[in-house]
C-alpha atoms as a PDB file:
ATOM      1  CA  MET A   1      25.018 -20.833 -14.554  1.00  0.00           C
ATOM      2  CA  LYS A   2      28.256 -21.194 -16.538  1.00  0.00           C
ATOM      3  CA  LYS A   3      29.809 -18.532 -14.294  1.00  0.00           C
ATOM      4  CA  ILE A   4      28.961 -20.557 -11.198  1.00  0.00           C
ATOM      5  CA  LEU A   5      30.319 -23.815 -12.624  1.00  0.00           C
ATOM      6  CA  PHE A   6      33.532 -22.085 -13.630  1.00  0.00           C
ATOM      7  CA  LEU A   7      33.986 -20.548 -10.194  1.00  0.00           C
ATOM      8  CA  CYS A   8      33.276 -23.879  -8.476  1.00  0.00           C
ATOM      9  CA  LEU A   9      36.082 -25.449 -10.494  1.00  0.00           C
ATOM     10  CA  PHE A  10      38.314 -22.497  -9.715  1.00  0.00           C
ATOM     11  CA  LEU A  11      37.596 -22.760  -5.971  1.00  0.00           C
ATOM     12  CA  SER A  12      38.425 -26.449  -6.116  1.00  0.00           C
ATOM     13  CA  PHE A  13      41.730 -25.576  -7.768  1.00  0.00           C
ATOM     14  CA  CYS A  14      42.420 -22.942  -5.105  1.00  0.00           C
ATOM     15  CA  ASN A  15      41.688 -25.420  -2.333  1.00  0.00           C
ATOM     16  CA  THR A  16      44.144 -27.862  -3.859  1.00  0.00           C
ATOM     17  CA  HIS A  17      46.844 -25.218  -4.030  1.00  0.00           C
ATOM     18  CA  ASP A  18      46.130 -23.771  -0.563  1.00  0.00           C
ATOM     19  CA  ILE A  19      45.273 -20.273  -1.748  1.00  0.00           C
ATOM     20  CA  LYS A  20      44.905 -17.987   1.285  1.00  0.00           C
ATOM     21  CA  ASN A  21      41.966 -15.975   0.003  1.00  0.00           C
ATOM     22  CA  LYS A  22      39.507 -18.857  -0.113  1.00  0.00           C
ATOM     23  CA  ASN A  23      37.066 -16.917   2.056  1.00  0.00           C
ATOM     24  CA  ASP A  24      37.013 -14.098  -0.475  1.00  0.00           C
ATOM     25  CA  LEU A  25      36.436 -16.545  -3.295  1.00  0.00           C
ATOM     26  CA  SER A  26      33.635 -18.218  -1.358  1.00  0.00           C
ATOM     27  CA  SER A  27      32.026 -14.813  -0.935  1.00  0.00           C
ATOM     28  CA  ILE A  28      32.237 -14.266  -4.672  1.00  0.00           C
ATOM     29  CA  LEU A  29      30.605 -17.643  -5.263  1.00  0.00           C
ATOM     30  CA  LEU A  30      27.762 -16.746  -2.888  1.00  0.00           C
ATOM     31  CA  TRP A  31      27.306 -13.445  -4.729  1.00  0.00           C
ATOM     32  CA  LEU A  32      27.087 -15.247  -8.064  1.00  0.00           C
ATOM     33  CA  ILE A  33      24.562 -17.711  -6.665  1.00  0.00           C
ATOM     34  CA  LYS A  34      22.414 -14.823  -5.461  1.00  0.00           C
ATOM     35  CA  ASP A  35      22.784 -13.122  -8.829  1.00  0.00           C
ATOM     36  CA  GLN A  36      21.494 -16.215 -10.618  1.00  0.00           C
ATOM     37  CA  PHE A  37      18.791 -17.470  -8.263  1.00  0.00           C
ATOM     38  CA  ASN A  38      17.012 -14.413  -6.839  1.00  0.00           C
ATOM     39  CA  HIS A  39      14.867 -13.924  -9.923  1.00  0.00           C
ATOM     40  CA  GLU A  40      12.659 -16.206 -11.983  1.00  0.00           C
ATOM     41  CA  LEU A  41      10.038 -16.173 -14.712  1.00  0.00           C
ATOM     42  CA  PHE A  42       7.188 -18.568 -13.938  1.00  0.00           C
ATOM     43  CA  LYS A  43       4.341 -19.790 -16.066  1.00  0.00           C
ATOM     44  CA  TYR A  44       1.114 -19.832 -14.067  1.00  0.00           C
ATOM     45  CA  ASN A  45      -1.020 -22.969 -14.345  1.00  0.00           C
ATOM     46  CA  GLU A  46      -4.719 -22.583 -13.717  1.00  0.00           C
ATOM     47  CA  ASP A  47      -6.362 -24.595 -10.956  1.00  0.00           C
ATOM     48  CA  PRO A  48      -9.130 -26.779 -12.474  1.00  0.00           C
ATOM     49  CA  LEU A  49     -11.003 -26.530  -9.166  1.00  0.00           C
ATOM     50  CA  MET A  50     -10.767 -22.725  -9.351  1.00  0.00           C
ATOM     51  CA  ARG A  51      -9.775 -22.375  -5.698  1.00  0.00           C
ATOM     52  CA  THR A  52      -9.047 -18.844  -4.530  1.00  0.00           C
ATOM     53  CA  THR A  53      -5.830 -19.807  -2.727  1.00  0.00           C
ATOM     54  CA  ASN A  54      -2.880 -20.164  -5.090  1.00  0.00           C
ATOM     55  CA  SER A  55      -0.739 -23.294  -4.665  1.00  0.00           C
ATOM     56  CA  THR A  56       2.977 -23.532  -5.353  1.00  0.00           C
ATOM     57  CA  TRP A  57       2.430 -26.285  -7.946  1.00  0.00           C
ATOM     58  CA  GLN A  58       0.731 -23.699 -10.145  1.00  0.00           C
ATOM     59  CA  PHE A  59       4.059 -21.945 -10.736  1.00  0.00           C
ATOM     60  CA  THR A  60       6.528 -23.671 -13.052  1.00  0.00           C
ATOM     61  CA  PRO A  61       9.686 -22.115 -14.499  1.00  0.00           C
ATOM     62  CA  ALA A  62       8.940 -20.732 -17.939  1.00  0.00           C
ATOM     63  CA  SER A  63      10.599 -22.403 -20.892  1.00  0.00           C
ATOM     64  CA  THR A  64      10.144 -22.791 -24.615  1.00  0.00           C
ATOM     65  CA  SER A  65       8.675 -26.251 -23.961  1.00  0.00           C
ATOM     66  CA  ASN A  66       5.649 -24.943 -22.020  1.00  0.00           C
ATOM     67  CA  SER A  67       4.938 -21.996 -24.302  1.00  0.00           C
ATOM     68  CA  THR A  68       1.722 -21.999 -26.369  1.00  0.00           C
ATOM     69  CA  SER A  69       0.357 -19.881 -29.192  1.00  0.00           C
ATOM     70  CA  LYS A  70      -1.690 -17.710 -26.811  1.00  0.00           C
ATOM     71  CA  THR A  71      -0.749 -14.119 -26.051  1.00  0.00           C
ATOM     72  CA  LYS A  72       1.544 -14.007 -23.030  1.00  0.00           C
ATOM     73  CA  VAL A  73       0.762 -11.692 -20.107  1.00  0.00           C
ATOM     74  CA  ILE A  74       3.659 -11.144 -17.686  1.00  0.00           C
ATOM     75  CA  LEU A  75       2.760  -9.913 -14.185  1.00  0.00           C
ATOM     76  CA  ILE A  76       5.648  -8.080 -12.494  1.00  0.00           C
ATOM     77  CA  HIS A  77       5.408  -7.021  -8.850  1.00  0.00           C
ATOM     78  CA  GLY A  78       6.851  -3.909  -7.263  1.00  0.00           C
ATOM     79  CA  TRP A  79       9.192  -3.061  -4.417  1.00  0.00           C
ATOM     80  CA  ASP A  80       9.489  -5.141  -1.241  1.00  0.00           C
ATOM     81  CA  TYR A  81      10.860  -2.782   1.417  1.00  0.00           C
ATOM     82  CA  THR A  82      11.832  -5.690   3.704  1.00  0.00           C
ATOM     83  CA  GLU A  83      14.406  -7.064   1.264  1.00  0.00           C
ATOM     84  CA  ARG A  84      18.135  -6.472   1.438  1.00  0.00           C
ATOM     85  CA  SER A  85      20.745  -7.525  -1.100  1.00  0.00           C
ATOM     86  CA  SER A  86      22.646  -9.240   1.730  1.00  0.00           C
ATOM     87  CA  ASP A  87      19.729 -11.636   2.333  1.00  0.00           C
ATOM     88  CA  LEU A  88      20.231 -15.294   1.518  1.00  0.00           C
ATOM     89  CA  PRO A  89      19.164 -16.403  -1.974  1.00  0.00           C
ATOM     90  CA  SER A  90      15.389 -16.429  -2.321  1.00  0.00           C
ATOM     91  CA  SER A  91      13.856 -19.869  -1.901  1.00  0.00           C
ATOM     92  CA  PHE A  92      11.131 -21.128  -4.222  1.00  0.00           C
ATOM     93  CA  ASP A  93       8.518 -20.523  -1.515  1.00  0.00           C
ATOM     94  CA  LYS A  94       9.800 -16.977  -0.949  1.00  0.00           C
ATOM     95  CA  LYS A  95       9.516 -16.235  -4.662  1.00  0.00           C
ATOM     96  CA  ILE A  96       5.943 -17.501  -4.797  1.00  0.00           C
ATOM     97  CA  ALA A  97       5.011 -15.571  -1.648  1.00  0.00           C
ATOM     98  CA  GLN A  98       6.407 -12.399  -3.184  1.00  0.00           C
ATOM     99  CA  ILE A  99       4.336 -12.938  -6.323  1.00  0.00           C
ATOM    100  CA  THR A 100       1.085 -13.769  -4.575  1.00  0.00           C
ATOM    101  CA  SER A 101       1.384 -10.921  -2.077  1.00  0.00           C
ATOM    102  CA  THR A 102       0.798  -8.600  -5.037  1.00  0.00           C
ATOM    103  CA  TRP A 103      -1.124 -10.670  -7.570  1.00  0.00           C
ATOM    104  CA  SER A 104      -3.351 -13.019  -5.519  1.00  0.00           C
ATOM    105  CA  ASN A 105      -6.563 -11.388  -6.739  1.00  0.00           C
ATOM    106  CA  ALA A 106      -5.419 -11.175 -10.359  1.00  0.00           C
ATOM    107  CA  LEU A 107      -4.479 -14.867 -10.360  1.00  0.00           C
ATOM    108  CA  ASP A 108      -7.803 -15.778  -8.757  1.00  0.00           C
ATOM    109  CA  TYR A 109      -9.669 -13.876 -11.474  1.00  0.00           C
ATOM    110  CA  TYR A 110      -7.556 -15.621 -14.105  1.00  0.00           C
ATOM    111  CA  ASN A 111      -8.403 -19.014 -12.581  1.00  0.00           C
ATOM    112  CA  ARG A 112     -12.084 -18.126 -12.847  1.00  0.00           C
ATOM    113  CA  ASP A 113     -11.645 -16.851 -16.414  1.00  0.00           C
ATOM    114  CA  ILE A 114     -13.014 -13.429 -15.502  1.00  0.00           C
ATOM    115  CA  SER A 115     -13.469 -11.394 -18.678  1.00  0.00           C
ATOM    116  CA  GLY A 116     -12.165 -14.364 -20.667  1.00  0.00           C
ATOM    117  CA  SER A 117      -8.664 -13.816 -19.288  1.00  0.00           C
ATOM    118  CA  ARG A 118      -7.768 -17.519 -19.145  1.00  0.00           C
ATOM    119  CA  THR A 119      -9.363 -18.226 -22.507  1.00  0.00           C
ATOM    120  CA  SER A 120      -7.440 -15.409 -24.196  1.00  0.00           C
ATOM    121  CA  PHE A 121      -4.061 -15.392 -22.440  1.00  0.00           C
ATOM    122  CA  ASP A 122      -1.329 -17.416 -20.790  1.00  0.00           C
ATOM    123  CA  PHE A 123      -0.310 -15.739 -17.532  1.00  0.00           C
ATOM    124  CA  TYR A 124       3.316 -15.568 -16.401  1.00  0.00           C
ATOM    125  CA  THR A 125       4.911 -13.937 -13.368  1.00  0.00           C
ATOM    126  CA  PHE A 126       8.384 -12.475 -12.905  1.00  0.00           C
ATOM    127  CA  THR A 127       9.951 -12.058  -9.465  1.00  0.00           C
ATOM    128  CA  TYR A 128      13.263 -10.465  -8.521  1.00  0.00           C
ATOM    129  CA  ARG A 129      15.361  -9.148  -5.620  1.00  0.00           C
ATOM    130  CA  THR A 130      13.895  -5.656  -5.326  1.00  0.00           C
ATOM    131  CA  SER A 131      16.741  -4.315  -3.180  1.00  0.00           C
ATOM    132  CA  ASP A 132      19.137  -4.724  -6.117  1.00  0.00           C
ATOM    133  CA  SER A 133      19.479  -1.900  -8.615  1.00  0.00           C
ATOM    134  CA  ILE A 134      16.516  -1.497 -10.941  1.00  0.00           C
ATOM    135  CA  SER A 135      18.748  -1.495 -14.003  1.00  0.00           C
ATOM    136  CA  LYS A 136      20.321  -4.808 -12.949  1.00  0.00           C
ATOM    137  CA  ASN A 137      16.864  -6.327 -12.549  1.00  0.00           C
ATOM    138  CA  GLY A 138      15.988  -4.951 -15.968  1.00  0.00           C
ATOM    139  CA  THR A 139      18.914  -6.878 -17.435  1.00  0.00           C
ATOM    140  CA  ARG A 140      17.733 -10.042 -15.674  1.00  0.00           C
ATOM    141  CA  LEU A 141      14.208  -9.600 -17.035  1.00  0.00           C
ATOM    142  CA  ALA A 142      15.499  -9.030 -20.566  1.00  0.00           C
ATOM    143  CA  GLU A 143      17.624 -12.176 -20.385  1.00  0.00           C
ATOM    144  CA  LYS A 144      14.725 -14.277 -19.075  1.00  0.00           C
ATOM    145  CA  LEU A 145      12.216 -13.078 -21.655  1.00  0.00           C
ATOM    146  CA  ASN A 146      14.629 -13.468 -24.543  1.00  0.00           C
ATOM    147  CA  SER A 147      15.459 -17.020 -23.458  1.00  0.00           C
ATOM    148  CA  VAL A 148      11.809 -18.099 -23.524  1.00  0.00           C
ATOM    149  CA  PHE A 149      10.015 -15.982 -26.137  1.00  0.00           C
ATOM    150  CA  THR A 150      10.658 -14.790 -29.679  1.00  0.00           C
ATOM    151  CA  GLN A 151       9.299 -11.943 -31.774  1.00  0.00           C
ATOM    152  CA  ASN A 152       6.679 -14.390 -33.046  1.00  0.00           C
ATOM    153  CA  ASP A 153       5.154 -14.353 -29.548  1.00  0.00           C
ATOM    154  CA  LYS A 154       2.843 -11.565 -28.473  1.00  0.00           C
ATOM    155  CA  VAL A 155       3.990 -10.444 -25.030  1.00  0.00           C
ATOM    156  CA  ILE A 156       2.166  -7.958 -22.805  1.00  0.00           C
ATOM    157  CA  VAL A 157       3.541  -6.861 -19.438  1.00  0.00           C
ATOM    158  CA  ILE A 158       1.323  -5.727 -16.557  1.00  0.00           C
ATOM    159  CA  ALA A 159       3.683  -4.194 -14.009  1.00  0.00           C
ATOM    160  CA  SER A 160       3.072  -2.742 -10.571  1.00  0.00           C
ATOM    161  CA  SER A 161       5.105   0.196  -9.272  1.00  0.00           C
ATOM    162  CA  MET A 162       8.856  -0.605  -9.436  1.00  0.00           C
ATOM    163  CA  GLY A 163       8.037  -3.429 -11.835  1.00  0.00           C
ATOM    164  CA  GLY A 164       7.238  -0.866 -14.513  1.00  0.00           C
ATOM    165  CA  LEU A 165      10.716   0.633 -14.194  1.00  0.00           C
ATOM    166  CA  VAL A 166      12.293  -2.825 -14.317  1.00  0.00           C
ATOM    167  CA  THR A 167      10.378  -3.388 -17.552  1.00  0.00           C
ATOM    168  CA  ARG A 168      11.505  -0.100 -19.068  1.00  0.00           C
ATOM    169  CA  TYR A 169      15.132  -0.810 -18.210  1.00  0.00           C
ATOM    170  CA  ALA A 170      14.744  -4.268 -19.768  1.00  0.00           C
ATOM    171  CA  MET A 171      13.391  -2.852 -23.010  1.00  0.00           C
ATOM    172  CA  TYR A 172      16.391  -0.545 -23.444  1.00  0.00           C
ATOM    173  CA  ASP A 173      18.994  -2.991 -22.138  1.00  0.00           C
ATOM    174  CA  PRO A 174      21.744  -4.003 -24.613  1.00  0.00           C
ATOM    175  CA  LYS A 175      20.937  -7.646 -23.823  1.00  0.00           C
ATOM    176  CA  ASN A 176      17.356  -7.192 -25.027  1.00  0.00           C
ATOM    177  CA  THR A 177      18.305  -8.541 -28.430  1.00  0.00           C
ATOM    178  CA  GLY A 178      14.933 -10.190 -29.047  1.00  0.00           C
ATOM    179  CA  ASP A 179      12.848  -7.114 -28.156  1.00  0.00           C
ATOM    180  CA  VAL A 180       9.905  -9.397 -27.367  1.00  0.00           C
ATOM    181  CA  ILE A 181       7.773  -7.011 -25.269  1.00  0.00           C
ATOM    182  CA  ASP A 182       4.947  -5.624 -27.394  1.00  0.00           C
ATOM    183  CA  PHE A 183       2.924  -3.607 -24.860  1.00  0.00           C
ATOM    184  CA  VAL A 184       3.240  -2.573 -21.214  1.00  0.00           C
ATOM    185  CA  VAL A 185       0.535  -1.586 -18.725  1.00  0.00           C
ATOM    186  CA  THR A 186       2.031   0.138 -15.686  1.00  0.00           C
ATOM    187  CA  LEU A 187       0.093   0.395 -12.427  1.00  0.00           C
ATOM    188  CA  GLY A 188       1.275   3.270 -10.241  1.00  0.00           C
ATOM    189  CA  THR A 189       4.837   3.148 -11.564  1.00  0.00           C
ATOM    190  CA  PRO A 190       7.062   6.069 -10.430  1.00  0.00           C
ATOM    191  CA  HIS A 191       8.441   6.802 -13.899  1.00  0.00           C
ATOM    192  CA  TYR A 192       9.858  10.065 -12.527  1.00  0.00           C
ATOM    193  CA  GLY A 193      10.388   8.792  -9.007  1.00  0.00           C
ATOM    194  CA  SER A 194       8.683   9.400  -5.680  1.00  0.00           C
ATOM    195  CA  PRO A 195       9.457  12.136  -3.133  1.00  0.00           C
ATOM    196  CA  PHE A 196       9.339   9.550  -0.352  1.00  0.00           C
ATOM    197  CA  ALA A 197      12.349   7.741  -1.843  1.00  0.00           C
ATOM    198  CA  SER A 198      14.356  10.957  -2.091  1.00  0.00           C
ATOM    199  CA  SER A 199      16.748  11.904   0.707  1.00  0.00           C
ATOM    200  CA  ALA A 200      16.386  15.527  -0.374  1.00  0.00           C
ATOM    201  CA  TYR A 201      12.680  15.629   0.453  1.00  0.00           C
ATOM    202  CA  GLN A 202      11.970  17.161   3.843  1.00  0.00           C
ATOM    203  CA  VAL A 203       8.606  16.416   5.411  1.00  0.00           C
ATOM    204  CA  SER A 204       7.095  17.924   8.512  1.00  0.00           C
ATOM    205  CA  SER A 205       7.470  14.691  10.503  1.00  0.00           C
ATOM    206  CA  SER A 206      11.156  13.976  11.109  1.00  0.00           C
ATOM    207  CA  THR A 207      10.252  10.508  12.417  1.00  0.00           C
ATOM    208  CA  LEU A 208       8.499   9.665   9.165  1.00  0.00           C
ATOM    209  CA  ALA A 209      11.495  10.977   7.234  1.00  0.00           C
ATOM    210  CA  GLU A 210      13.840   8.727   9.231  1.00  0.00           C
ATOM    211  CA  ILE A 211      11.653   5.674   8.615  1.00  0.00           C
ATOM    212  CA  ILE A 212      11.492   6.410   4.892  1.00  0.00           C
ATOM    213  CA  SER A 213      15.262   6.845   4.771  1.00  0.00           C
ATOM    214  CA  PHE A 214      15.748   3.411   6.374  1.00  0.00           C
ATOM    215  CA  LEU A 215      13.296   1.683   4.063  1.00  0.00           C
ATOM    216  CA  THR A 216      14.795   3.130   0.890  1.00  0.00           C
ATOM    217  CA  ASN A 217      18.421   2.546   1.892  1.00  0.00           C
ATOM    218  CA  THR A 218      19.072  -0.029  -0.836  1.00  0.00           C
ATOM    219  CA  ASP A 219      20.093   0.284  -4.464  1.00  0.00           C
ATOM    220  CA  GLY A 220      16.548  -0.558  -5.508  1.00  0.00           C
ATOM    221  CA  GLY A 221      14.962   1.856  -3.040  1.00  0.00           C
ATOM    222  CA  ARG A 222      17.242   4.707  -4.063  1.00  0.00           C
ATOM    223  CA  GLY A 223      16.389   4.007  -7.698  1.00  0.00           C
ATOM    224  CA  LEU A 224      12.825   5.119  -6.936  1.00  0.00           C
ATOM    225  CA  SER A 225      13.889   8.602  -5.821  1.00  0.00           C
ATOM    226  CA  HIS A 226      12.383  11.755  -7.294  1.00  0.00           C
ATOM    227  CA  THR A 227      13.927  13.523 -10.260  1.00  0.00           C
ATOM    228  CA  ASN A 228      13.412  17.217 -10.901  1.00  0.00           C
ATOM    229  CA  ASN A 229      13.843  16.718 -14.631  1.00  0.00           C
ATOM    230  CA  GLY A 230      10.782  16.189 -16.791  1.00  0.00           C
ATOM    231  CA  ASN A 231       7.794  18.175 -17.956  1.00  0.00           C
ATOM    232  CA  GLY A 232       5.462  18.963 -15.055  1.00  0.00           C
ATOM    233  CA  GLN A 233       7.875  17.773 -12.375  1.00  0.00           C
ATOM    234  CA  THR A 234       7.819  19.613  -9.042  1.00  0.00           C
ATOM    235  CA  THR A 235      11.281  20.757  -7.994  1.00  0.00           C
ATOM    236  CA  ILE A 236      12.747  19.374  -4.776  1.00  0.00           C
ATOM    237  CA  PRO A 237      15.978  21.254  -4.002  1.00  0.00           C
ATOM    238  CA  ASN A 238      19.021  19.002  -4.498  1.00  0.00           C
ATOM    239  CA  ALA A 239      16.947  16.001  -5.603  1.00  0.00           C
ATOM    240  CA  VAL A 240      18.825  13.931  -8.191  1.00  0.00           C
ATOM    241  CA  ASN A 241      18.133  10.642  -9.951  1.00  0.00           C
ATOM    242  CA  SER A 242      20.541  10.427 -12.860  1.00  0.00           C
ATOM    243  CA  ASP A 243      19.563   6.820 -13.608  1.00  0.00           C
ATOM    244  CA  LEU A 244      15.935   7.789 -14.167  1.00  0.00           C
ATOM    245  CA  ASP A 245      17.043  10.801 -16.195  1.00  0.00           C
ATOM    246  CA  SER A 246      19.020   8.513 -18.492  1.00  0.00           C
ATOM    247  CA  LEU A 247      16.103   6.098 -18.775  1.00  0.00           C
ATOM    248  CA  ASN A 248      13.629   8.886 -19.510  1.00  0.00           C
ATOM    249  CA  ALA A 249      15.891  10.242 -22.239  1.00  0.00           C
ATOM    250  CA  ASN A 250      14.947   7.143 -24.259  1.00  0.00           C
ATOM    251  CA  THR A 251      11.785   7.623 -26.290  1.00  0.00           C
ATOM    252  CA  SER A 252      11.719   5.016 -29.063  1.00  0.00           C
ATOM    253  CA  ARG A 253       9.496   2.559 -27.157  1.00  0.00           C
ATOM    254  CA  ASP A 254       7.226   5.012 -25.316  1.00  0.00           C
ATOM    255  CA  SER A 255       4.317   4.227 -27.644  1.00  0.00           C
ATOM    256  CA  ARG A 256       4.113   0.732 -26.133  1.00  0.00           C
ATOM    257  CA  PHE A 257       3.266   2.034 -22.629  1.00  0.00           C
ATOM    258  CA  TYR A 258      -0.188   2.470 -21.101  1.00  0.00           C
ATOM    259  CA  PRO A 259       0.036   3.945 -17.586  1.00  0.00           C
ATOM    260  CA  TYR A 260      -2.688   3.586 -14.953  1.00  0.00           C
ATOM    261  CA  VAL A 261      -2.603   6.353 -12.370  1.00  0.00           C
ATOM    262  CA  GLY A 262      -4.136   6.482  -8.888  1.00  0.00           C
ATOM    263  CA  ASP A 263      -5.358   9.916  -7.802  1.00  0.00           C
ATOM    264  CA  LEU A 264      -6.339  10.763  -4.209  1.00  0.00           C
ATOM    265  CA  SER A 265      -6.209  14.531  -4.722  1.00  0.00           C
ATOM    266  CA  SER A 266      -9.889  15.041  -3.955  1.00  0.00           C
ATOM    267  CA  ASP A 267      -9.865  12.949  -0.765  1.00  0.00           C
ATOM    268  CA  CYS A 268      -6.930  11.241   0.940  1.00  0.00           C
ATOM    269  CA  ASN A 269      -9.389   9.190   2.984  1.00  0.00           C
ATOM    270  CA  ALA A 270     -10.564   7.463  -0.186  1.00  0.00           C
ATOM    271  CA  ALA A 271      -7.520   5.183   0.141  1.00  0.00           C
ATOM    272  CA  LYS A 272      -8.889   1.763   1.051  1.00  0.00           C
ATOM    273  CA  THR A 273      -5.979  -0.686   1.282  1.00  0.00           C
ATOM    274  CA  SER A 274      -4.001   0.879   4.140  1.00  0.00           C
ATOM    275  CA  ALA A 275      -3.836   3.891   6.433  1.00  0.00           C
ATOM    276  CA  ILE A 276      -0.284   4.299   5.117  1.00  0.00           C
ATOM    277  CA  PHE A 277      -1.661   5.764   1.908  1.00  0.00           C
ATOM    278  CA  VAL A 278      -3.996   8.119   3.759  1.00  0.00           C
ATOM    279  CA  THR A 279      -1.020   9.414   5.744  1.00  0.00           C
ATOM    280  CA  GLY A 280       1.254   9.468   2.712  1.00  0.00           C
ATOM    281  CA  CYS A 281      -1.278  11.422   0.702  1.00  0.00           C
ATOM    282  CA  SER A 282      -1.714  13.959   3.517  1.00  0.00           C
ATOM    283  CA  VAL A 283       2.032  14.368   4.082  1.00  0.00           C
ATOM    284  CA  LEU A 284       2.678  14.918   0.384  1.00  0.00           C
ATOM    285  CA  LYS A 285      -0.165  17.426   0.164  1.00  0.00           C
ATOM    286  CA  THR A 286       1.191  19.516   3.024  1.00  0.00           C
ATOM    287  CA  GLY A 287       4.920  18.916   2.568  1.00  0.00           C
ATOM    288  CA  SER A 288       7.502  21.309   1.206  1.00  0.00           C
ATOM    289  CA  PRO A 289       7.252  21.300  -1.712  1.00  0.00           C
ATOM    290  CA  ALA A 290       3.683  20.029  -1.885  1.00  0.00           C
ATOM    291  CA  PHE A 291       2.439  17.230  -4.118  1.00  0.00           C
ATOM    292  CA  PRO A 292      -1.351  17.653  -4.163  1.00  0.00           C
ATOM    293  CA  ALA A 293      -2.136  14.776  -6.553  1.00  0.00           C
ATOM    294  CA  THR A 294      -0.758  11.331  -5.645  1.00  0.00           C
ATOM    295  CA  ASP A 295      -1.832   7.741  -4.976  1.00  0.00           C
ATOM    296  CA  GLY A 296      -0.417   8.058  -1.462  1.00  0.00           C
ATOM    297  CA  ILE A 297       3.151   7.376  -2.618  1.00  0.00           C
ATOM    298  CA  VAL A 298       3.588   8.219  -6.298  1.00  0.00           C
ATOM    299  CA  PRO A 299       2.710  11.655  -7.731  1.00  0.00           C
ATOM    300  CA  VAL A 300       0.270  11.636 -10.634  1.00  0.00           C
ATOM    301  CA  ASN A 301       2.763  13.326 -12.969  1.00  0.00           C
ATOM    302  CA  SER A 302       5.304  10.594 -12.289  1.00  0.00           C
ATOM    303  CA  ALA A 303       2.828   7.741 -12.708  1.00  0.00           C
ATOM    304  CA  LYS A 304       1.509   9.062 -16.020  1.00  0.00           C
ATOM    305  CA  MET A 305       5.041   9.325 -17.467  1.00  0.00           C
ATOM    306  CA  ALA A 306       4.803  13.144 -17.587  1.00  0.00           C
ATOM    307  CA  ASP A 307       4.440  13.964 -21.296  1.00  0.00           C
ATOM    308  CA  LYS A 308       6.193  10.866 -22.654  1.00  0.00           C
ATOM    309  CA  VAL A 309       2.975   9.198 -23.832  1.00  0.00           C
ATOM    310  CA  SER A 310      -0.201  10.561 -25.395  1.00  0.00           C
ATOM    311  CA  VAL A 311      -3.182  11.427 -23.215  1.00  0.00           C
ATOM    312  CA  SER A 312      -5.153   8.618 -24.868  1.00  0.00           C
ATOM    313  CA  GLN A 313      -2.717   6.066 -23.428  1.00  0.00           C
ATOM    314  CA  ILE A 314      -3.208   7.234 -19.806  1.00  0.00           C
ATOM    315  CA  THR A 315      -6.003   6.041 -17.520  1.00  0.00           C
ATOM    316  CA  THR A 316      -6.568   7.915 -14.256  1.00  0.00           C
ATOM    317  CA  LYS A 317      -8.363   6.081 -11.453  1.00  0.00           C
ATOM    318  CA  THR A 318      -9.843   8.684  -9.140  1.00  0.00           C
ATOM    319  CA  GLY A 319      -9.953   7.553  -5.513  1.00  0.00           C
ATOM    320  CA  PHE A 320      -7.486   4.695  -6.055  1.00  0.00           C
ATOM    321  CA  ASP A 321      -4.489   4.353  -3.780  1.00  0.00           C
ATOM    322  CA  HIS A 322      -1.215   2.677  -4.761  1.00  0.00           C
ATOM    323  CA  LEU A 323      -2.208  -0.897  -3.887  1.00  0.00           C
ATOM    324  CA  MET A 324      -5.747  -0.648  -5.228  1.00  0.00           C
ATOM    325  CA  LEU A 325      -4.078  -0.507  -8.637  1.00  0.00           C
ATOM    326  CA  THR A 326      -3.044  -4.162  -8.147  1.00  0.00           C
ATOM    327  CA  PHE A 327      -6.720  -5.233  -8.117  1.00  0.00           C
ATOM    328  CA  LYS A 328      -6.955  -5.172  -4.328  1.00  0.00           C
ATOM    329  CA  VAL A 329      -9.871  -3.286  -2.822  1.00  0.00           C
ATOM    330  CA  PRO A 330     -10.669  -4.461   0.736  1.00  0.00           C
ATOM    331  CA  ASN A 331     -14.349  -5.052   1.411  1.00  0.00           C
ATOM    332  CA  ASN A 332     -15.247  -4.244  -2.180  1.00  0.00           C
ATOM    333  CA  ALA A 333     -14.664  -7.328  -4.317  1.00  0.00           C
ATOM    334  CA  SER A 334     -16.872  -6.004  -7.092  1.00  0.00           C
ATOM    335  CA  LEU A 335     -14.696  -2.896  -7.566  1.00  0.00           C
ATOM    336  CA  SER A 336     -11.535  -5.007  -7.585  1.00  0.00           C
ATOM    337  CA  GLU A 337     -12.965  -7.427 -10.137  1.00  0.00           C
ATOM    338  CA  SER A 338     -14.354  -4.575 -12.212  1.00  0.00           C
ATOM    339  CA  PHE A 339     -10.910  -2.973 -12.441  1.00  0.00           C
ATOM    340  CA  PHE A 340      -9.364  -6.301 -13.475  1.00  0.00           C
ATOM    341  CA  THR A 341     -12.010  -6.592 -16.194  1.00  0.00           C
ATOM    342  CA  GLU A 342     -11.201  -3.052 -17.327  1.00  0.00           C
ATOM    343  CA  VAL A 343      -7.508  -3.836 -17.757  1.00  0.00           C
ATOM    344  CA  ILE A 344      -8.135  -7.197 -19.460  1.00  0.00           C
ATOM    345  CA  THR A 345     -10.575  -5.525 -21.842  1.00  0.00           C
ATOM    346  CA  LYS A 346      -7.928  -2.941 -22.706  1.00  0.00           C
ATOM    347  CA  ILE A 347      -5.136  -5.417 -23.410  1.00  0.00           C
ATOM    348  CA  LYS A 348      -7.446  -7.453 -25.647  1.00  0.00           C
ATOM    349  CA  THR A 349      -7.386  -4.465 -27.997  1.00  0.00           C
ATOM    350  CA  PHE A 350      -3.583  -4.420 -28.265  1.00  0.00           C
END
């Protein structure tokens, strides 16, 4: 915010002195506004009527003033392929829509105190511009968490897909001076990338390859690309993700991570949330090279953090596709709620 105020004053000065590059300076101001306002940490307020549809009033910016003594659970969504860094700053409604598109079921279960979730925890949500680089969003997350919480708070992150990488970057970011994150549950996070985000991966359908290339053509999308480095990683010729390699070289906080892994290896048709994951699973199984065990997007070896965590920290969900890991199972509410209960039961032991 101080940066924006300073630049506003500077632009005013430039206007007074008829500087010719005012358009450039205005562009810089817009960039700074986007940098400050595309992400937010919200505290989620339960609905006393326990309605299943989340309302915008239930999301208030997190601050030290609305923090309690309860354990904090931070929900962090994954990648939004429709976003571009050139988009206008995200409005409040856009932020809430991005959160609820991933976490609507989880927030409903929290409202209803399923498995004592509301009794035991305060829920928070973090949203961000997913087209920006993952490391940059990690810095933003670190700054937000350190401005609201201290090491006296118990903070648990539940992160979907890209959100798990954002969390890992945050934990190793130089600005993470408070180091407030105690435990992290990742849901289908591509800790070693995904073939579909890698330009080096050639699939049998050139049309599908072109679509994937378009969708991942952002800093955030490219940050999800496959790396050949890591125990158990399948080699894709010329595939490189040096950012992930640098991140994975860090080990000091690995013990805090508990990956959940979707596995469709026995039947691609087990995917329930979208035909995309049935197709993705089939393409990866028959591609060159082949990835026989995935959740339809993320290979099992990538989602389980290869050998970075102990086997006891990993939970494999057979028959779960990528989105089922966010507590969404169409036409099977009991399975969705059961999985939520499973995760809540686990984090109660942390």
